[in-house]
Amino acid sequence: MKIKLLTQFGEFVRDAEILPFNEYPAVMIWGDRVFQHSNIQGEYRECFFYIVSDRKPGQQ
């Protein structure tokens, strides 16, 4: 599957090819950036994300 990664404002980031799936994954992680599938086939827009951890401060 060919995909296109864009910033949230539609600026080009990268073209890539991923393994074939029956449908496009909802989210793509590229390095420390997260892209959400848009309504356009194969297009992903960068999105805001937050990681929730169940660790307590000081816990490893």
PDB file of N, CA and C in Angstrom:
ATOM      1  N   MET A   1       0.845  -1.182   0.000  1.00  0.00           N
ATOM      2  CA  MET A   1       0.000   0.000   0.000  1.00  0.00           C
ATOM      3  C   MET A   1       0.882   1.234   0.000  1.00  0.00           C
ATOM      4  N   LYS A   2       0.559   2.157  -0.838  1.00  0.00           N
ATOM      5  CA  LYS A   2       1.286   3.419  -0.857  1.00  0.00           C
ATOM      6  C   LYS A   2       0.531   4.430  -0.004  1.00  0.00           C
ATOM      7  N   ILE A   3       1.285   5.168   0.808  1.00  0.00           N
ATOM      8  CA  ILE A   3       0.685   6.193   1.654  1.00  0.00           C
ATOM      9  C   ILE A   3       1.448   7.495   1.495  1.00  0.00           C
ATOM     10  N   LYS A   4       0.791   8.568   1.881  1.00  0.00           N
ATOM     11  CA  LYS A   4       1.404   9.896   1.852  1.00  0.00           C
ATOM     12  C   LYS A   4       1.220  10.513   3.234  1.00  0.00           C
ATOM     13  N   LEU A   5       2.325  10.983   3.827  1.00  0.00           N
ATOM     14  CA  LEU A   5       2.280  11.643   5.120  1.00  0.00           C
ATOM     15  C   LEU A   5       2.355  13.148   4.897  1.00  0.00           C
ATOM     16  N   LEU A   6       1.428  13.864   5.523  1.00  0.00           N
ATOM     17  CA  LEU A   6       1.361  15.316   5.389  1.00  0.00           C
ATOM     18  C   LEU A   6       1.283  15.951   6.772  1.00  0.00           C
ATOM     19  N   THR A   7       1.714  17.213   6.883  1.00  0.00           N
ATOM     20  CA  THR A   7       1.515  17.937   8.130  1.00  0.00           C
ATOM     21  C   THR A   7       0.024  18.180   8.296  1.00  0.00           C
ATOM     22  N   GLN A   8      -0.389  18.680   9.437  1.00  0.00           N
ATOM     23  CA  GLN A   8      -1.813  18.938   9.645  1.00  0.00           C
ATOM     24  C   GLN A   8      -2.333  20.005   8.681  1.00  0.00           C
ATOM     25  N   PHE A   9      -1.432  20.818   8.110  1.00  0.00           N
ATOM     26  CA  PHE A   9      -1.828  21.872   7.179  1.00  0.00           C
ATOM     27  C   PHE A   9      -1.701  21.434   5.723  1.00  0.00           C
ATOM     28  N   GLY A  10      -1.346  20.157   5.487  1.00  0.00           N
ATOM     29  CA  GLY A  10      -1.290  19.613   4.142  1.00  0.00           C
ATOM     30  C   GLY A  10       0.056  19.716   3.450  1.00  0.00           C
ATOM     31  N   GLU A  11       1.101  20.122   4.176  1.00  0.00           N
ATOM     32  CA  GLU A  11       2.434  20.190   3.577  1.00  0.00           C
ATOM     33  C   GLU A  11       3.039  18.792   3.519  1.00  0.00           C
ATOM     34  N   PHE A  12       3.710  18.490   2.432  1.00  0.00           N
ATOM     35  CA  PHE A  12       4.285  17.170   2.200  1.00  0.00           C
ATOM     36  C   PHE A  12       5.356  16.835   3.222  1.00  0.00           C
ATOM     37  N   VAL A  13       5.324  15.612   3.757  1.00  0.00           N
ATOM     38  CA  VAL A  13       6.351  15.103   4.659  1.00  0.00           C
ATOM     39  C   VAL A  13       7.091  13.942   3.991  1.00  0.00           C
ATOM     40  N   ARG A  14       6.325  12.933   3.519  1.00  0.00           N
ATOM     41  CA  ARG A  14       6.976  11.742   2.963  1.00  0.00           C
ATOM     42  C   ARG A  14       5.969  10.851   2.244  1.00  0.00           C
ATOM     43  N   ASP A  15       6.419  10.235   1.165  1.00  0.00           N
ATOM     44  CA  ASP A  15       5.699   9.136   0.532  1.00  0.00           C
ATOM     45  C   ASP A  15       6.319   7.854   1.067  1.00  0.00           C
ATOM     46  N   ALA A  16       5.499   6.861   1.323  1.00  0.00           N
ATOM     47  CA  ALA A  16       6.015   5.599   1.853  1.00  0.00           C
ATOM     48  C   ALA A  16       5.158   4.444   1.335  1.00  0.00           C
ATOM     49  N   GLU A  17       5.685   3.244   1.499  1.00  0.00           N
ATOM     50  CA  GLU A  17       4.925   2.052   1.149  1.00  0.00           C
ATOM     51  C   GLU A  17       4.910   1.145   2.374  1.00  0.00           C
ATOM     52  N   ILE A  18       3.718   0.666   2.727  1.00  0.00           N
ATOM     53  CA  ILE A  18       3.564  -0.215   3.886  1.00  0.00           C
ATOM     54  C   ILE A  18       3.041  -1.568   3.405  1.00  0.00           C
ATOM     55  N   LEU A  19       3.069  -2.548   4.298  1.00  0.00           N
ATOM     56  CA  LEU A  19       2.527  -3.866   3.975  1.00  0.00           C
ATOM     57  C   LEU A  19       1.047  -3.743   3.622  1.00  0.00           C
ATOM     58  N   PRO A  20       0.553  -4.603   2.744  1.00  0.00           N
ATOM     59  CA  PRO A  20      -0.867  -4.512   2.367  1.00  0.00           C
ATOM     60  C   PRO A  20      -1.790  -4.970   3.496  1.00  0.00           C
ATOM     61  N   PHE A  21      -2.848  -4.223   3.704  1.00  0.00           N
ATOM     62  CA  PHE A  21      -3.887  -4.544   4.682  1.00  0.00           C
ATOM     63  C   PHE A  21      -5.227  -4.515   3.945  1.00  0.00           C
ATOM     64  N   ASN A  22      -6.271  -5.065   4.546  1.00  0.00           N
ATOM     65  CA  ASN A  22      -7.610  -4.998   3.960  1.00  0.00           C
ATOM     66  C   ASN A  22      -8.150  -3.572   3.992  1.00  0.00           C
ATOM     67  N   GLU A  23      -7.715  -2.798   4.956  1.00  0.00           N
ATOM     68  CA  GLU A  23      -8.092  -1.392   5.053  1.00  0.00           C
ATOM     69  C   GLU A  23      -6.902  -0.620   5.589  1.00  0.00           C
ATOM     70  N   TYR A  24      -6.915   0.679   5.400  1.00  0.00           N
ATOM     71  CA  TYR A  24      -5.806   1.497   5.877  1.00  0.00           C
ATOM     72  C   TYR A  24      -5.821   1.566   7.401  1.00  0.00           C
ATOM     73  N   PRO A  25      -4.645   1.451   8.051  1.00  0.00           N
ATOM     74  CA  PRO A  25      -4.594   1.620   9.500  1.00  0.00           C
ATOM     75  C   PRO A  25      -5.083   3.015   9.890  1.00  0.00           C
ATOM     76  N   ALA A  26      -5.689   3.145  11.052  1.00  0.00           N
ATOM     77  CA  ALA A  26      -6.228   4.428  11.505  1.00  0.00           C
ATOM     78  C   ALA A  26      -5.119   5.426  11.798  1.00  0.00           C
ATOM     79  N   VAL A  27      -3.962   4.926  12.269  1.00  0.00           N
ATOM     80  CA  VAL A  27      -2.867   5.804  12.692  1.00  0.00           C
ATOM     81  C   VAL A  27      -1.544   5.232  12.209  1.00  0.00           C
ATOM     82  N   MET A  28      -0.631   6.103  11.814  1.00  0.00           N
ATOM     83  CA  MET A  28       0.730   5.712  11.456  1.00  0.00           C
ATOM     84  C   MET A  28       1.677   6.484  12.377  1.00  0.00           C
ATOM     85  N   ILE A  29       2.669   5.793  12.933  1.00  0.00           N
ATOM     86  CA  ILE A  29       3.697   6.447  13.742  1.00  0.00           C
ATOM     87  C   ILE A  29       4.981   6.421  12.930  1.00  0.00           C
ATOM     88  N   TRP A  30       5.559   7.589  12.723  1.00  0.00           N
ATOM     89  CA  TRP A  30       6.807   7.714  11.969  1.00  0.00           C
ATOM     90  C   TRP A  30       7.785   8.470  12.849  1.00  0.00           C
ATOM     91  N   GLY A  31       8.740   7.741  13.441  1.00  0.00           N
ATOM     92  CA  GLY A  31       9.657   8.358  14.404  1.00  0.00           C
ATOM     93  C   GLY A  31       8.866   8.827  15.614  1.00  0.00           C
ATOM     94  N   ASP A  32       8.986  10.105  15.945  1.00  0.00           N
ATOM     95  CA  ASP A  32       8.223  10.651  17.072  1.00  0.00           C
ATOM     96  C   ASP A  32       6.995  11.432  16.605  1.00  0.00           C
ATOM     97  N   ARG A  33       6.599  11.222  15.352  1.00  0.00           N
ATOM     98  CA  ARG A  33       5.448  11.912  14.785  1.00  0.00           C
ATOM     99  C   ARG A  33       4.304  10.927  14.574  1.00  0.00           C
ATOM    100  N   VAL A  34       3.072  11.409  14.764  1.00  0.00           N
ATOM    101  CA  VAL A  34       1.884  10.569  14.621  1.00  0.00           C
ATOM    102  C   VAL A  34       0.990  11.167  13.539  1.00  0.00           C
ATOM    103  N   PHE A  35       0.497  10.289  12.655  1.00  0.00           N
ATOM    104  CA  PHE A  35      -0.341  10.707  11.535  1.00  0.00           C
ATOM    105  C   PHE A  35      -1.637   9.912  11.573  1.00  0.00           C
ATOM    106  N   GLN A  36      -2.754  10.603  11.384  1.00  0.00           N
ATOM    107  CA  GLN A  36      -4.070   9.979  11.402  1.00  0.00           C
ATOM    108  C   GLN A  36      -4.604   9.899   9.976  1.00  0.00           C
ATOM    109  N   HIS A  37      -5.226   8.769   9.644  1.00  0.00           N
ATOM    110  CA  HIS A  37      -5.774   8.582   8.299  1.00  0.00           C
ATOM    111  C   HIS A  37      -6.850   9.628   8.034  1.00  0.00           C
ATOM    112  N   SER A  38      -6.759  10.273   6.886  1.00  0.00           N
ATOM    113  CA  SER A  38      -7.776  11.261   6.510  1.00  0.00           C
ATOM    114  C   SER A  38      -8.868  10.562   5.711  1.00  0.00           C
ATOM    115  N   ASN A  39      -9.803  11.294   5.191  1.00  0.00           N
ATOM    116  CA  ASN A  39     -10.877  10.698   4.387  1.00  0.00           C
ATOM    117  C   ASN A  39     -10.434  10.396   2.961  1.00  0.00           C
ATOM    118  N   ILE A  40      -9.194  10.732   2.642  1.00  0.00           N
ATOM    119  CA  ILE A  40      -8.658  10.490   1.312  1.00  0.00           C
ATOM    120  C   ILE A  40      -7.815   9.222   1.353  1.00  0.00           C
ATOM    121  N   GLN A  41      -8.037   8.327   0.402  1.00  0.00           N
ATOM    122  CA  GLN A  41      -7.340   7.032   0.374  1.00  0.00           C
ATOM    123  C   GLN A  41      -5.826   7.214   0.391  1.00  0.00           C
ATOM    124  N   GLY A  42      -5.167   6.593   1.364  1.00  0.00           N
ATOM    125  CA  GLY A  42      -3.707   6.606   1.438  1.00  0.00           C
ATOM    126  C   GLY A  42      -3.105   7.866   2.010  1.00  0.00           C
ATOM    127  N   GLU A  43      -3.917   8.812   2.446  1.00  0.00           N
ATOM    128  CA  GLU A  43      -3.387  10.078   2.973  1.00  0.00           C
ATOM    129  C   GLU A  43      -3.508  10.117   4.491  1.00  0.00           C
ATOM    130  N   TYR A  44      -2.425  10.541   5.117  1.00  0.00           N
ATOM    131  CA  TYR A  44      -2.379  10.676   6.572  1.00  0.00           C
ATOM    132  C   TYR A  44      -1.949  12.095   6.924  1.00  0.00           C
ATOM    133  N   ARG A  45      -2.651  12.688   7.892  1.00  0.00           N
ATOM    134  CA  ARG A  45      -2.326  14.035   8.364  1.00  0.00           C
ATOM    135  C   ARG A  45      -1.745  13.946   9.768  1.00  0.00           C
ATOM    136  N   GLU A  46      -0.719  14.751  10.003  1.00  0.00           N
ATOM    137  CA  GLU A  46      -0.088  14.775  11.325  1.00  0.00           C
ATOM    138  C   GLU A  46      -1.111  15.262  12.342  1.00  0.00           C
ATOM    139  N   CYS A  47      -1.096  14.654  13.521  1.00  0.00           N
ATOM    140  CA  CYS A  47      -2.078  15.024  14.538  1.00  0.00           C
ATOM    141  C   CYS A  47      -1.403  15.177  15.900  1.00  0.00           C
ATOM    142  N   PHE A  48      -2.094  15.862  16.772  1.00  0.00           N
ATOM    143  CA  PHE A  48      -1.664  16.043  18.154  1.00  0.00           C
ATOM    144  C   PHE A  48      -1.912  14.730  18.889  1.00  0.00           C
ATOM    145  N   PHE A  49      -0.972  14.346  19.743  1.00  0.00           N
ATOM    146  CA  PHE A  49      -1.185  13.131  20.522  1.00  0.00           C
ATOM    147  C   PHE A  49      -0.616  13.314  21.922  1.00  0.00           C
ATOM    148  N   TYR A  50      -1.069  12.476  22.820  1.00  0.00           N
ATOM    149  CA  TYR A  50      -0.632  12.498  24.206  1.00  0.00           C
ATOM    150  C   TYR A  50      -0.536  11.055  24.668  1.00  0.00           C
ATOM    151  N   ILE A  51       0.547  10.705  25.323  1.00  0.00           N
ATOM    152  CA  ILE A  51       0.739   9.346  25.821  1.00  0.00           C
ATOM    153  C   ILE A  51       0.311   9.294  27.279  1.00  0.00           C
ATOM    154  N   VAL A  52      -0.605   8.397  27.574  1.00  0.00           N
ATOM    155  CA  VAL A  52      -1.086   8.209  28.939  1.00  0.00           C
ATOM    156  C   VAL A  52      -0.379   6.999  29.521  1.00  0.00           C
ATOM    157  N   SER A  53       0.212   7.179  30.684  1.00  0.00           N
ATOM    158  CA  SER A  53       0.924   6.086  31.336  1.00  0.00           C
ATOM    159  C   SER A  53       0.278   5.796  32.678  1.00  0.00           C
ATOM    160  N   ASP A  54       0.241   4.527  33.047  1.00  0.00           N
ATOM    161  CA  ASP A  54      -0.319   4.171  34.351  1.00  0.00           C
ATOM    162  C   ASP A  54       0.756   4.091  35.434  1.00  0.00           C
ATOM    163  N   ARG A  55       1.968   4.500  35.089  1.00  0.00           N
ATOM    164  CA  ARG A  55       3.056   4.516  36.078  1.00  0.00           C
ATOM    165  C   ARG A  55       2.885   5.697  37.023  1.00  0.00           C
ATOM    166  N   LYS A  56       3.261   5.476  38.268  1.00  0.00           N
ATOM    167  CA  LYS A  56       3.223   6.546  39.247  1.00  0.00           C
ATOM    168  C   LYS A  56       4.590   7.220  39.262  1.00  0.00           C
ATOM    169  N   PRO A  57       4.669   8.496  39.615  1.00  0.00           N
ATOM    170  CA  PRO A  57       5.982   9.173  39.651  1.00  0.00           C
ATOM    171  C   PRO A  57       6.977   8.375  40.494  1.00  0.00           C
ATOM    172  N   GLY A  58       8.189   8.198  39.968  1.00  0.00           N
ATOM    173  CA  GLY A  58       9.239   7.476  40.662  1.00  0.00           C
ATOM    174  C   GLY A  58       9.218   5.979  40.419  1.00  0.00           C
ATOM    175  N   GLN A  59       8.161   5.483  39.791  1.00  0.00           N
ATOM    176  CA  GLN A  59       8.036   4.064  39.510  1.00  0.00           C
ATOM    177  C   GLN A  59       8.710   3.742  38.172  1.00  0.00           C
ATOM    178  N   GLN A  60       9.364   2.580  38.100  1.00  0.00           N
ATOM    179  CA  GLN A  60      10.019   2.166  36.853  1.00  0.00           C
ATOM    180  C   GLN A  60       9.347   0.993  36.232  1.00  0.00           C
TER     181      GLN A  60
END
